[in-house]
């Protein structure tokens, strides 16, 4: 298999690349490395996979021109090859700094590399930020996404797996959330773009015989996680002995899902398609065991051996009280079964967090 992973410098993308290359697949990762959160964390993930930051940014003018809106037509395979960085750790992994909104760049990449499978994890993430900056979501999650679909259909990709989100369920009061539930009342623009992705994928499957699978992720956490999500925000505050914001007065539940279980589900989905079947499928992928937010904080405090002051806040716009995944559909097709319980997962995350933060402090010193 030759697999393209978009969003490869992101949380899930990084872990997925690691798992795929260790299984022997040829992998090419792309990411625009935007500054939605600290780019140093993204480069640190890449470094962990053997991608040298200096080589990623070795041709800044070429990267800017290749990804820019006024790209010259003569910028083809020769320039593209200059942007591809070989991993120093894995012989079967390469990376390029490339934005999925750059259709011409994607077309060149697909034509040259001849992928068999694509996992699209590139997206503008974050429910709350979508309220502040809607245009970023339209560009990445809609324009960039249709670029991926177009490249897949023109290059006869065997299977496209893409990231959807549990946020499509909105304020659904019925739990656990099932793929059969109505999802036409999103409470954030982020959720609306993810539902749009599912509809667009269905259309491409129907019109162009492109097999697609959307995965509705439920609150992913673990080492190398996103700093804008609760586990990292809470851990940072606890270690700094600063108060944390607890929304809806702590009356919230999340289906926290450890990253290794997510990666296992993505890989099972990627290779689970029948040769004679063209479908547009959507699956929940979660832990099917929601945890009270206050319990999560308590487990994290114990893992970090520190207590924290809690500032209780009202519910934020675009947020929901409970997420809870019914994963029976995915399990029936792929034998997916999450293995990591919350106490074990938080402990692993806390150990990584302390090591990572210690490394940052040493570098600064």
Protein backbone atom coordinates (compact mmCIF):
# COMPACT_ATOMS: atom_id res chain seq x y z
CA UNK A 1 0.00 0.00 0.00
CA UNK A 2 1.09 3.56 -0.70
CA UNK A 3 -0.77 5.89 1.63
CA UNK A 4 -1.14 9.67 1.76
CA UNK A 5 -1.83 11.05 5.25
CA UNK A 6 -2.88 14.69 5.35
CA UNK A 7 -2.51 16.54 8.64
CA UNK A 8 0.56 14.40 9.36
CA UNK A 9 2.03 16.90 11.83
CA UNK A 10 -1.21 16.87 13.81
CA UNK A 11 -2.06 14.78 16.86
CA UNK A 12 -3.87 11.88 15.21
CA UNK A 13 -1.90 12.17 11.98
CA UNK A 14 1.43 11.78 13.73
CA UNK A 15 0.36 8.64 15.58
CA UNK A 16 -1.25 7.16 12.47
CA UNK A 17 1.90 7.68 10.40
CA UNK A 18 3.97 5.95 13.09
CA UNK A 19 1.65 2.94 13.09
CA UNK A 20 1.46 2.67 9.30
CA UNK A 21 5.20 2.84 8.67
CA UNK A 22 5.86 0.29 11.41
CA UNK A 23 3.52 -2.07 9.57
CA UNK A 24 5.62 -1.64 6.44
CA UNK A 25 3.39 0.63 4.36
CA UNK A 26 4.91 3.37 2.21
CA UNK A 27 3.61 6.64 3.64
CA UNK A 28 3.78 10.25 2.52
CA UNK A 29 2.56 12.89 4.96
CA UNK A 30 1.60 16.47 4.24
CA UNK A 31 0.68 19.35 6.54
CA UNK A 32 0.57 23.13 6.18
CA UNK A 33 1.87 23.52 9.77
CA UNK A 34 -0.37 26.49 10.47
CA UNK A 35 -0.16 28.50 13.68
CA UNK A 36 -3.60 27.65 15.13
CA UNK A 37 -1.51 26.30 18.01
CA UNK A 38 2.22 26.22 18.76
CA UNK A 39 4.06 25.08 15.63
CA UNK A 40 6.94 23.86 17.80
CA UNK A 41 4.74 20.98 18.98
CA UNK A 42 4.00 20.09 15.36
CA UNK A 43 7.68 20.15 14.44
CA UNK A 44 8.46 18.09 17.56
CA UNK A 45 6.01 15.43 16.39
CA UNK A 46 7.66 15.43 12.97
CA UNK A 47 11.09 15.14 14.57
CA UNK A 48 9.87 12.11 16.51
CA UNK A 49 9.15 10.52 13.12
CA UNK A 50 12.59 11.45 11.79
CA UNK A 51 11.59 14.57 9.83
CA UNK A 52 14.21 17.29 10.19
CA UNK A 53 12.65 20.74 10.66
CA UNK A 54 15.49 22.49 8.87
CA UNK A 55 14.87 20.35 5.80
CA UNK A 56 11.13 20.96 5.90
CA UNK A 57 11.77 24.71 5.77
CA UNK A 58 14.91 24.50 3.63
CA UNK A 59 13.29 26.23 0.66
CA UNK A 60 11.09 28.94 2.21
CA UNK A 61 10.65 30.86 -1.05
CA UNK A 62 9.80 27.69 -2.96
CA UNK A 63 7.33 26.59 -0.26
CA UNK A 64 5.66 30.00 -0.35
CA UNK A 65 5.50 30.02 -4.14
CA UNK A 66 4.40 26.40 -4.42
CA UNK A 67 1.56 26.93 -1.95
CA UNK A 68 0.69 30.45 -3.06
CA UNK A 69 -2.37 31.55 -5.05
CA UNK A 70 -0.28 32.78 -8.00
CA UNK A 71 1.74 29.63 -8.46
CA UNK A 72 3.60 29.41 -11.76
CA UNK A 73 2.63 26.51 -14.02
CA UNK A 74 6.26 25.47 -14.47
CA UNK A 75 6.43 24.55 -10.78
CA UNK A 76 5.87 20.83 -11.32
CA UNK A 77 7.61 17.62 -10.30
CA UNK A 78 11.12 19.06 -10.01
CA UNK A 79 10.03 21.64 -7.46
CA UNK A 80 7.75 19.16 -5.74
CA UNK A 81 10.64 16.76 -5.21
CA UNK A 82 12.58 19.56 -3.51
CA UNK A 83 9.78 19.85 -0.94
CA UNK A 84 9.71 16.13 -0.08
CA UNK A 85 11.73 15.34 3.04
CA UNK A 86 12.94 11.81 3.71
CA UNK A 87 12.57 10.58 7.28
CA UNK A 88 15.87 9.87 9.02
CA UNK A 89 14.12 7.21 11.09
CA UNK A 90 11.92 5.38 8.59
CA UNK A 91 12.95 4.53 5.03
CA UNK A 92 9.27 4.27 4.06
CA UNK A 93 8.19 7.75 5.21
CA UNK A 94 8.46 11.14 3.52
CA UNK A 95 6.89 14.49 4.37
CA UNK A 96 6.08 17.72 2.55
CA UNK A 97 4.86 21.06 3.79
CA UNK A 98 1.78 21.40 1.61
CA UNK A 99 -1.67 22.94 2.12
CA UNK A 100 -4.71 20.99 0.93
CA UNK A 101 -6.23 24.27 -0.30
CA UNK A 102 -3.47 24.24 -2.95
CA UNK A 103 -5.27 22.23 -5.64
CA UNK A 104 -2.47 22.41 -8.20
CA UNK A 105 0.09 21.23 -5.66
CA UNK A 106 -2.15 18.33 -4.66
CA UNK A 107 -2.74 17.39 -8.29
CA UNK A 108 1.01 17.26 -8.92
CA UNK A 109 1.53 15.18 -5.78
CA UNK A 110 -1.16 12.64 -6.66
CA UNK A 111 0.02 12.37 -10.27
CA UNK A 112 3.63 11.83 -9.28
CA UNK A 113 3.18 9.55 -6.26
CA UNK A 114 0.29 7.31 -7.39
CA UNK A 115 -1.21 6.61 -3.97
CA UNK A 116 -3.47 3.63 -3.36
CA UNK A 117 -5.12 4.95 -0.18
CA UNK A 118 -5.70 8.38 1.38
CA UNK A 119 -6.42 9.35 4.99
CA UNK A 120 -7.55 12.97 5.18
CA UNK A 121 -6.99 14.32 8.70
CA UNK A 122 -6.11 17.86 7.61
CA UNK A 123 -8.71 20.33 8.85
CA UNK A 124 -9.13 23.50 10.81
CA UNK A 125 -9.87 22.04 14.23
CA UNK A 126 -11.67 23.41 17.28
CA UNK A 127 -15.34 24.06 18.00
CA UNK A 128 -14.87 27.34 19.83
CA UNK A 129 -12.41 28.87 17.35
CA UNK A 130 -14.95 28.34 14.54
CA UNK A 131 -17.12 31.00 16.17
CA UNK A 132 -14.25 33.49 16.01
CA UNK A 133 -12.77 32.67 12.61
CA UNK A 134 -15.32 31.00 10.32
CA UNK A 135 -13.39 31.67 7.10
CA UNK A 136 -10.52 29.40 8.20
CA UNK A 137 -13.00 26.53 8.46
CA UNK A 138 -14.55 27.18 5.07
CA UNK A 139 -11.13 27.21 3.39
CA UNK A 140 -9.64 24.12 5.02
CA UNK A 141 -12.68 21.98 5.80
CA UNK A 142 -14.66 22.69 2.64
CA UNK A 143 -12.38 24.01 -0.11
CA UNK A 144 -9.42 21.87 0.93
CA UNK A 145 -11.65 18.84 1.42
CA UNK A 146 -13.19 19.02 -2.05
CA UNK A 147 -9.66 19.29 -3.44
CA UNK A 148 -8.87 15.96 -1.78
CA UNK A 149 -12.05 14.42 -3.19
CA UNK A 150 -11.23 15.65 -6.69
CA UNK A 151 -7.68 14.29 -6.54
CA UNK A 152 -8.95 10.95 -5.25
CA UNK A 153 -11.52 10.51 -7.99
CA UNK A 154 -9.13 11.51 -10.79
CA UNK A 155 -6.41 9.17 -9.53
CA UNK A 156 -8.53 6.08 -8.86
CA UNK A 157 -7.81 5.95 -5.13
CA UNK A 158 -8.91 2.60 -3.70
CA UNK A 159 -10.23 4.06 -0.44
CA UNK A 160 -10.52 7.49 1.16
CA UNK A 161 -10.85 7.63 4.94
CA UNK A 162 -11.53 11.08 6.37
CA UNK A 163 -12.00 12.69 9.77
CA UNK A 164 -15.51 13.61 10.76
CA UNK A 165 -16.43 14.46 14.35
CA UNK A 166 -18.81 13.65 17.19
CA UNK A 167 -19.74 17.35 17.04
CA UNK A 168 -22.11 16.55 14.14
CA UNK A 169 -24.57 15.22 16.74
CA UNK A 170 -25.06 18.73 18.10
CA UNK A 171 -27.22 18.89 21.21
CA UNK A 172 -28.63 15.40 20.61
CA UNK A 173 -30.37 14.33 23.82
CA UNK A 174 -30.51 10.64 22.87
CA UNK A 175 -27.51 8.67 24.10
CA UNK A 176 -25.44 6.86 23.14
CA UNK A 177 -25.04 8.61 19.79
CA UNK A 178 -25.77 6.30 16.86
CA UNK A 179 -25.00 6.73 13.17
CA UNK A 180 -28.76 6.41 12.61
CA UNK A 181 -29.49 9.56 14.62
CA UNK A 182 -30.39 12.78 12.83
CA UNK A 183 -27.43 15.13 12.51
CA UNK A 184 -28.98 18.12 10.77
CA UNK A 185 -28.84 20.54 13.72
CA UNK A 186 -25.14 21.39 14.23
CA UNK A 187 -24.44 23.89 17.01
CA UNK A 188 -21.12 25.16 15.64
CA UNK A 189 -19.70 25.97 12.21
CA UNK A 190 -17.02 23.34 12.78
CA UNK A 191 -19.74 20.71 13.17
CA UNK A 192 -21.51 22.02 10.06
CA UNK A 193 -18.33 21.63 7.98
CA UNK A 194 -17.85 18.07 9.22
CA UNK A 195 -21.43 17.14 8.33
CA UNK A 196 -20.81 18.75 4.93
CA UNK A 197 -17.78 16.49 4.49
CA UNK A 198 -19.97 13.43 4.99
CA UNK A 199 -22.49 14.64 2.42
CA UNK A 200 -19.78 15.48 -0.10
CA UNK A 201 -18.18 12.06 0.37
CA UNK A 202 -21.52 10.36 -0.24
CA UNK A 203 -21.95 12.30 -3.47
CA UNK A 204 -18.47 11.38 -4.75
CA UNK A 205 -19.04 7.73 -3.88
CA UNK A 206 -22.35 7.77 -5.73
CA UNK A 207 -21.17 9.67 -8.82
CA UNK A 208 -17.61 8.46 -9.23
CA UNK A 209 -17.45 5.04 -7.49
CA UNK A 210 -15.01 6.38 -4.90
CA UNK A 211 -15.13 4.29 -1.69
CA UNK A 212 -15.18 6.64 1.29
CA UNK A 213 -15.31 6.18 5.05
CA UNK A 214 -15.95 8.98 7.53
CA UNK A 215 -14.92 8.51 11.15
CA UNK A 216 -16.70 10.53 13.84
CA UNK A 217 -13.97 10.95 16.46
CA UNK A 218 -14.96 11.25 20.12
CA UNK A 219 -12.64 13.35 22.39
CA UNK A 220 -9.25 11.91 21.53
CA UNK A 221 -6.50 12.26 24.15
CA UNK A 222 -3.00 10.95 24.81
CA UNK A 223 0.70 11.77 24.30
CA UNK A 224 1.45 14.53 21.76
CA UNK A 225 -2.13 15.80 22.09
CA UNK A 226 -3.44 19.18 21.00
CA UNK A 227 -2.72 22.03 23.46
CA UNK A 228 -6.15 23.59 22.90
CA UNK A 229 -7.98 20.53 24.26
CA UNK A 230 -8.94 19.92 27.88
CA UNK A 231 -6.28 17.32 28.83
CA UNK A 232 -3.38 19.57 27.80
CA UNK A 233 -5.02 22.75 29.12
CA UNK A 234 -5.71 21.12 32.47
CA UNK A 235 -2.26 19.50 32.71
CA UNK A 236 -0.52 22.80 31.96
CA UNK A 237 -2.54 24.62 34.62
CA UNK A 238 -2.07 21.87 37.22
CA UNK A 239 1.71 21.84 36.80
CA UNK A 240 1.86 25.64 36.95
CA UNK A 241 -0.48 25.63 39.97
CA UNK A 242 -2.87 27.91 38.12
CA UNK A 243 -6.67 27.66 38.26
CA UNK A 244 -8.51 25.86 35.48
CA UNK A 245 -11.78 26.82 33.81
CA UNK A 246 -14.47 24.18 34.24
CA UNK A 247 -17.41 24.89 31.95
CA UNK A 248 -21.08 24.19 32.68
CA UNK A 249 -20.04 24.04 36.33
CA UNK A 250 -18.43 20.67 35.66
CA UNK A 251 -21.71 19.02 34.67
CA UNK A 252 -20.37 17.51 31.47
CA UNK A 253 -19.44 14.06 30.21
CA UNK A 254 -17.01 13.16 27.47
CA UNK A 255 -16.33 9.87 25.73
CA UNK A 256 -12.55 10.20 26.20
CA UNK A 257 -10.82 7.89 23.72
CA UNK A 258 -7.12 7.07 23.95
CA UNK A 259 -5.06 7.75 20.85
CA UNK A 260 -3.90 4.14 20.34
CA UNK A 261 -7.53 2.99 20.19
CA UNK A 262 -8.31 5.71 17.65
CA UNK A 263 -5.35 4.72 15.44
CA UNK A 264 -6.37 1.08 15.66
CA UNK A 265 -9.86 1.97 14.45
CA UNK A 266 -8.56 4.15 11.61
CA UNK A 267 -6.28 1.41 10.34
CA UNK A 268 -8.98 -1.26 10.59
CA UNK A 269 -11.33 1.02 8.63
CA UNK A 270 -8.74 1.83 5.98
CA UNK A 271 -8.24 -1.80 5.00
CA UNK A 272 -11.75 -3.11 5.68
CA UNK A 273 -13.29 -2.39 2.30
CA UNK A 274 -14.39 -5.16 -0.04
CA UNK A 275 -12.93 -5.20 -3.56
CA UNK A 276 -16.41 -5.46 -5.04
CA UNK A 277 -18.12 -2.86 -2.92
CA UNK A 278 -18.30 0.89 -3.40
CA UNK A 279 -19.85 2.58 -0.41
CA UNK A 280 -19.94 5.82 1.51
CA UNK A 281 -19.81 4.73 5.13
CA UNK A 282 -19.76 6.74 8.35
CA UNK A 283 -18.75 5.26 11.71
CA UNK A 284 -18.52 6.43 15.30
CA UNK A 285 -15.08 5.82 16.77
CA UNK A 286 -14.92 6.30 20.53
CA UNK A 287 -14.52 4.55 23.84
CA UNK A 288 -18.26 3.96 24.46
CA UNK A 289 -17.72 4.85 28.11
CA UNK A 290 -18.33 8.55 28.89
CA UNK A 291 -16.54 10.01 31.90
CA UNK A 292 -17.70 12.86 34.14
CA UNK A 293 -15.48 15.89 33.57
CA UNK A 294 -14.85 16.23 37.30
CA UNK A 295 -13.76 12.57 37.46
CA UNK A 296 -11.34 13.15 34.59
CA UNK A 297 -9.84 16.14 36.40
CA UNK A 298 -9.51 14.08 39.59
CA UNK A 299 -7.68 11.26 37.74
CA UNK A 300 -5.36 13.79 36.10
CA UNK A 301 -4.59 15.46 39.43
CA UNK A 302 -3.67 12.09 40.94
CA UNK A 303 -1.52 11.18 37.94
CA UNK A 304 0.35 14.48 38.19
CA UNK A 305 0.36 14.35 42.01
CA UNK A 306 -0.97 17.89 42.30
CA UNK A 307 -4.28 19.55 43.14
CA UNK A 308 -5.71 22.47 41.18
CA UNK A 309 -8.11 25.30 41.86
CA UNK A 310 -11.27 25.09 39.74
CA UNK A 311 -13.08 28.14 38.42
CA UNK A 312 -16.59 27.02 37.49
CA UNK A 313 -17.94 28.70 34.37
CA UNK A 314 -21.20 28.63 32.38
CA UNK A 315 -21.56 26.56 29.20
CA UNK A 316 -19.69 27.96 26.21
CA UNK A 317 -21.28 28.66 22.84
CA UNK A 318 -21.09 25.66 20.53
CA UNK A 319 -20.40 23.19 23.35
CA UNK A 320 -22.50 20.16 24.33
CA UNK A 321 -23.09 18.52 27.72
CA UNK A 322 -22.53 14.87 26.83
CA UNK A 323 -20.77 12.84 24.14
CA UNK A 324 -21.23 9.09 24.07
CA UNK A 325 -20.39 6.85 21.11
CA UNK A 326 -22.28 3.76 20.06
CA UNK A 327 -19.46 1.96 18.21
CA UNK A 328 -21.33 -1.25 17.43
CA UNK A 329 -21.45 -0.50 13.70
CA UNK A 330 -17.67 -0.11 13.46
CA UNK A 331 -17.14 -3.14 15.69
CA UNK A 332 -19.37 -5.32 13.51
CA UNK A 333 -17.40 -4.43 10.38
CA UNK A 334 -13.84 -4.30 11.72
CA UNK A 335 -13.86 -5.96 15.16
CA UNK A 336 -12.89 -2.58 16.62
CA UNK A 337 -12.75 -2.69 20.40
CA UNK A 338 -11.17 0.05 22.53
CA UNK A 339 -8.73 -1.33 25.10
CA UNK A 340 -7.41 1.59 27.15
CA UNK A 341 -9.41 2.52 30.26
CA UNK A 342 -9.39 6.14 31.41
CA UNK A 343 -7.11 5.59 34.44
CA UNK A 344 -4.47 3.89 32.31
CA UNK A 345 -4.71 6.39 29.46
CA UNK A 346 -4.46 9.45 31.70
CA UNK A 347 -1.44 7.94 33.46
CA UNK A 348 0.35 7.41 30.12
CA UNK A 349 -0.57 10.93 29.03
CA UNK A 350 0.65 12.45 32.31
CA UNK A 351 4.00 10.64 32.11
CA UNK A 352 4.53 11.88 28.55
CA UNK A 353 3.42 15.40 29.48
CA UNK A 354 5.97 15.70 32.28
CA UNK A 355 8.77 14.38 30.05
CA UNK A 356 7.82 16.69 27.17
CA UNK A 357 7.56 19.78 29.36
CA UNK A 358 10.85 18.95 31.05
CA UNK A 359 12.50 18.77 27.63
CA UNK A 360 11.15 22.19 26.69
CA UNK A 361 12.45 23.72 29.91
CA UNK A 362 15.89 22.16 29.41
CA UNK A 363 16.06 23.52 25.86
CA UNK A 364 15.12 27.00 27.05
CA UNK A 365 17.73 26.88 29.81
